[in-house]
Amino acid sequence: MRDYISLECTKCGNRNYRTSKQTRGGGKLELKKYCKFCRAHTLHKEKKK
């Protein structure tokens, strides 16, 4: 089963991306993505809806 999550920029706090991940196992998802508000590649962390 898949769980839908949002990715939040750690620099400005905006939620820019939505994705899904496996519900079993694994920790929090952290990806380096582009933030259009910061205009830079920043770390985005998983937040629930």
PDB file of N, CA and C in Angstrom:
ATOM      1  N   MET A   1       0.841  -1.179   0.000  1.00  0.00           N
ATOM      2  CA  MET A   1       0.000   0.000   0.000  1.00  0.00           C
ATOM      3  C   MET A   1       0.887   1.245   0.000  1.00  0.00           C
ATOM      4  N   ARG A   2       0.468   2.287  -0.709  1.00  0.00           N
ATOM      5  CA  ARG A   2       1.244   3.521  -0.823  1.00  0.00           C
ATOM      6  C   ARG A   2       0.617   4.601   0.058  1.00  0.00           C
ATOM      7  N   ASP A   3       1.472   5.461   0.585  1.00  0.00           N
ATOM      8  CA  ASP A   3       1.038   6.549   1.441  1.00  0.00           C
ATOM      9  C   ASP A   3       1.460   7.853   0.788  1.00  0.00           C
ATOM     10  N   TYR A   4       0.557   8.819   0.665  1.00  0.00           N
ATOM     11  CA  TYR A   4       0.878  10.094   0.036  1.00  0.00           C
ATOM     12  C   TYR A   4       1.425  11.073   1.060  1.00  0.00           C
ATOM     13  N   ILE A   5       2.516  11.748   0.679  1.00  0.00           N
ATOM     14  CA  ILE A   5       3.192  12.689   1.578  1.00  0.00           C
ATOM     15  C   ILE A   5       3.522  13.965   0.817  1.00  0.00           C
ATOM     16  N   SER A   6       3.839  15.016   1.563  1.00  0.00           N
ATOM     17  CA  SER A   6       4.311  16.268   0.986  1.00  0.00           C
ATOM     18  C   SER A   6       5.764  16.458   1.373  1.00  0.00           C
ATOM     19  N   LEU A   7       6.521  17.112   0.503  1.00  0.00           N
ATOM     20  CA  LEU A   7       7.912  17.432   0.798  1.00  0.00           C
ATOM     21  C   LEU A   7       8.001  18.920   1.084  1.00  0.00           C
ATOM     22  N   GLU A   8       8.547  19.256   2.261  1.00  0.00           N
ATOM     23  CA  GLU A   8       8.623  20.637   2.718  1.00  0.00           C
ATOM     24  C   GLU A   8      10.061  21.129   2.694  1.00  0.00           C
ATOM     25  N   CYS A   9      10.274  22.324   2.157  1.00  0.00           N
ATOM     26  CA  CYS A   9      11.603  22.934   2.110  1.00  0.00           C
ATOM     27  C   CYS A   9      12.056  23.264   3.525  1.00  0.00           C
ATOM     28  N   THR A  10      13.285  22.912   3.874  1.00  0.00           N
ATOM     29  CA  THR A  10      13.786  23.176   5.222  1.00  0.00           C
ATOM     30  C   THR A  10      14.208  24.632   5.393  1.00  0.00           C
ATOM     31  N   LYS A  11      14.437  25.326   4.296  1.00  0.00           N
ATOM     32  CA  LYS A  11      14.891  26.718   4.361  1.00  0.00           C
ATOM     33  C   LYS A  11      13.728  27.700   4.527  1.00  0.00           C
ATOM     34  N   CYS A  12      12.706  27.589   3.663  1.00  0.00           N
ATOM     35  CA  CYS A  12      11.599  28.554   3.708  1.00  0.00           C
ATOM     36  C   CYS A  12      10.310  27.975   4.301  1.00  0.00           C
ATOM     37  N   GLY A  13      10.177  26.632   4.356  1.00  0.00           N
ATOM     38  CA  GLY A  13       9.007  26.006   4.964  1.00  0.00           C
ATOM     39  C   GLY A  13       7.835  25.771   4.031  1.00  0.00           C
ATOM     40  N   ASN A  14       7.972  26.083   2.747  1.00  0.00           N
ATOM     41  CA  ASN A  14       6.897  25.840   1.786  1.00  0.00           C
ATOM     42  C   ASN A  14       6.854  24.373   1.384  1.00  0.00           C
ATOM     43  N   ARG A  15       5.643  23.879   1.163  1.00  0.00           N
ATOM     44  CA  ARG A  15       5.474  22.499   0.699  1.00  0.00           C
ATOM     45  C   ARG A  15       5.344  22.526  -0.807  1.00  0.00           C
ATOM     46  N   ASN A  16       6.419  22.123  -1.502  1.00  0.00           N
ATOM     47  CA  ASN A  16       6.503  22.271  -2.944  1.00  0.00           C
ATOM     48  C   ASN A  16       6.174  21.014  -3.729  1.00  0.00           C
ATOM     49  N   TYR A  17       6.342  19.840  -3.159  1.00  0.00           N
ATOM     50  CA  TYR A  17       6.189  18.597  -3.910  1.00  0.00           C
ATOM     51  C   TYR A  17       5.280  17.634  -3.160  1.00  0.00           C
ATOM     52  N   ARG A  18       4.528  16.804  -3.923  1.00  0.00           N
ATOM     53  CA  ARG A  18       3.737  15.703  -3.365  1.00  0.00           C
ATOM     54  C   ARG A  18       4.220  14.435  -4.013  1.00  0.00           C
ATOM     55  N   THR A  19       4.360  13.396  -3.218  1.00  0.00           N
ATOM     56  CA  THR A  19       4.813  12.110  -3.730  1.00  0.00           C
ATOM     57  C   THR A  19       4.201  11.006  -2.891  1.00  0.00           C
ATOM     58  N   SER A  20       4.484   9.774  -3.259  1.00  0.00           N
ATOM     59  CA  SER A  20       4.000   8.633  -2.483  1.00  0.00           C
ATOM     60  C   SER A  20       5.180   7.764  -2.111  1.00  0.00           C
ATOM     61  N   LYS A  21       5.021   7.015  -1.039  1.00  0.00           N
ATOM     62  CA  LYS A  21       6.065   6.084  -0.629  1.00  0.00           C
ATOM     63  C   LYS A  21       5.426   4.854  -0.014  1.00  0.00           C
ATOM     64  N   GLN A  22       6.201   3.808   0.073  1.00  0.00           N
ATOM     65  CA  GLN A  22       5.748   2.547   0.649  1.00  0.00           C
ATOM     66  C   GLN A  22       5.457   2.748   2.133  1.00  0.00           C
ATOM     67  N   THR A  23       4.352   2.183   2.636  1.00  0.00           N
ATOM     68  CA  THR A  23       3.989   2.379   4.034  1.00  0.00           C
ATOM     69  C   THR A  23       4.864   1.553   4.970  1.00  0.00           C
ATOM     70  N   ARG A  24       5.346   0.407   4.491  1.00  0.00           N
ATOM     71  CA  ARG A  24       6.163  -0.460   5.345  1.00  0.00           C
ATOM     72  C   ARG A  24       7.591   0.047   5.442  1.00  0.00           C
ATOM     73  N   GLY A  25       8.156  -0.024   6.639  1.00  0.00           N
ATOM     74  CA  GLY A  25       9.581   0.242   6.837  1.00  0.00           C
ATOM     75  C   GLY A  25      10.030   1.611   6.385  1.00  0.00           C
ATOM     76  N   GLY A  26      11.343   1.806   6.459  1.00  0.00           N
ATOM     77  CA  GLY A  26      11.910   3.072   6.003  1.00  0.00           C
ATOM     78  C   GLY A  26      11.655   4.203   6.976  1.00  0.00           C
ATOM     79  N   GLY A  27      12.549   5.131   6.968  1.00  0.00           N
ATOM     80  CA  GLY A  27      12.410   6.302   7.824  1.00  0.00           C
ATOM     81  C   GLY A  27      11.784   7.448   7.064  1.00  0.00           C
ATOM     82  N   LYS A  28      12.069   8.642   7.527  1.00  0.00           N
ATOM     83  CA  LYS A  28      11.571   9.848   6.878  1.00  0.00           C
ATOM     84  C   LYS A  28      12.327  10.079   5.576  1.00  0.00           C
ATOM     85  N   LEU A  29      11.615  10.526   4.567  1.00  0.00           N
ATOM     86  CA  LEU A  29      12.190  10.772   3.256  1.00  0.00           C
ATOM     87  C   LEU A  29      12.826  12.159   3.232  1.00  0.00           C
ATOM     88  N   GLU A  30      14.085  12.242   2.760  1.00  0.00           N
ATOM     89  CA  GLU A  30      14.789  13.511   2.617  1.00  0.00           C
ATOM     90  C   GLU A  30      15.429  13.552   1.245  1.00  0.00           C
ATOM     91  N   LEU A  31      15.079  14.548   0.453  1.00  0.00           N
ATOM     92  CA  LEU A  31      15.618  14.687  -0.899  1.00  0.00           C
ATOM     93  C   LEU A  31      16.079  16.113  -1.121  1.00  0.00           C
ATOM     94  N   LYS A  32      17.095  16.266  -1.951  1.00  0.00           N
ATOM     95  CA  LYS A  32      17.548  17.596  -2.338  1.00  0.00           C
ATOM     96  C   LYS A  32      16.828  17.954  -3.632  1.00  0.00           C
ATOM     97  N   LYS A  33      15.892  18.913  -3.555  1.00  0.00           N
ATOM     98  CA  LYS A  33      15.055  19.294  -4.689  1.00  0.00           C
ATOM     99  C   LYS A  33      15.141  20.800  -4.892  1.00  0.00           C
ATOM    100  N   TYR A  34      14.657  21.261  -6.044  1.00  0.00           N
ATOM    101  CA  TYR A  34      14.662  22.681  -6.362  1.00  0.00           C
ATOM    102  C   TYR A  34      13.448  23.361  -5.736  1.00  0.00           C
ATOM    103  N   CYS A  35      13.686  24.471  -5.048  1.00  0.00           N
ATOM    104  CA  CYS A  35      12.611  25.273  -4.455  1.00  0.00           C
ATOM    105  C   CYS A  35      12.477  26.557  -5.265  1.00  0.00           C
ATOM    106  N   LYS A  36      11.292  26.786  -5.842  1.00  0.00           N
ATOM    107  CA  LYS A  36      11.103  27.966  -6.682  1.00  0.00           C
ATOM    108  C   LYS A  36      11.020  29.256  -5.867  1.00  0.00           C
ATOM    109  N   PHE A  37      10.746  29.155  -4.575  1.00  0.00           N
ATOM    110  CA  PHE A  37      10.679  30.336  -3.728  1.00  0.00           C
ATOM    111  C   PHE A  37      12.078  30.776  -3.284  1.00  0.00           C
ATOM    112  N   CYS A  38      12.946  29.815  -2.978  1.00  0.00           N
ATOM    113  CA  CYS A  38      14.332  30.107  -2.593  1.00  0.00           C
ATOM    114  C   CYS A  38      15.227  30.284  -3.820  1.00  0.00           C
ATOM    115  N   ARG A  39      14.778  29.764  -4.966  1.00  0.00           N
ATOM    116  CA  ARG A  39      15.544  29.753  -6.213  1.00  0.00           C
ATOM    117  C   ARG A  39      16.876  29.029  -6.044  1.00  0.00           C
ATOM    118  N   ALA A  40      16.830  27.894  -5.367  1.00  0.00           N
ATOM    119  CA  ALA A  40      18.032  27.090  -5.145  1.00  0.00           C
ATOM    120  C   ALA A  40      17.629  25.651  -4.849  1.00  0.00           C
ATOM    121  N   HIS A  41      18.599  24.749  -4.952  1.00  0.00           N
ATOM    122  CA  HIS A  41      18.385  23.360  -4.556  1.00  0.00           C
ATOM    123  C   HIS A  41      18.588  23.275  -3.056  1.00  0.00           C
ATOM    124  N   THR A  42      17.549  22.874  -2.336  1.00  0.00           N
ATOM    125  CA  THR A  42      17.604  22.778  -0.880  1.00  0.00           C
ATOM    126  C   THR A  42      17.099  21.409  -0.442  1.00  0.00           C
ATOM    127  N   LEU A  43      17.335  21.086   0.803  1.00  0.00           N
ATOM    128  CA  LEU A  43      16.877  19.832   1.364  1.00  0.00           C
ATOM    129  C   LEU A  43      15.380  19.917   1.639  1.00  0.00           C
ATOM    130  N   HIS A  44      14.628  18.931   1.171  1.00  0.00           N
ATOM    131  CA  HIS A  44      13.192  18.836   1.405  1.00  0.00           C
ATOM    132  C   HIS A  44      12.938  17.597   2.254  1.00  0.00           C
ATOM    133  N   LYS A  45      12.179  17.761   3.341  1.00  0.00           N
ATOM    134  CA  LYS A  45      11.871  16.657   4.244  1.00  0.00           C
ATOM    135  C   LYS A  45      10.400  16.306   4.157  1.00  0.00           C
ATOM    136  N   GLU A  46      10.124  15.063   4.505  1.00  0.00           N
ATOM    137  CA  GLU A  46       8.766  14.528   4.455  1.00  0.00           C
ATOM    138  C   GLU A  46       7.909  15.129   5.563  1.00  0.00           C
ATOM    139  N   LYS A  47       6.705  15.532   5.175  1.00  0.00           N
ATOM    140  CA  LYS A  47       5.685  15.975   6.127  1.00  0.00           C
ATOM    141  C   LYS A  47       4.396  15.303   5.738  1.00  0.00           C
ATOM    142  N   LYS A  48       3.573  14.953   6.692  1.00  0.00           N
ATOM    143  CA  LYS A  48       2.263  14.360   6.397  1.00  0.00           C
ATOM    144  C   LYS A  48       1.367  15.426   5.801  1.00  0.00           C
ATOM    145  N   LYS A  49       0.287  14.999   5.163  1.00  0.00           N
ATOM    146  CA  LYS A  49      -0.672  15.923   4.524  1.00  0.00           C
ATOM    147  C   LYS A  49      -0.986  17.018   5.463  1.00  0.00           C
TER     148      LYS A  49
END
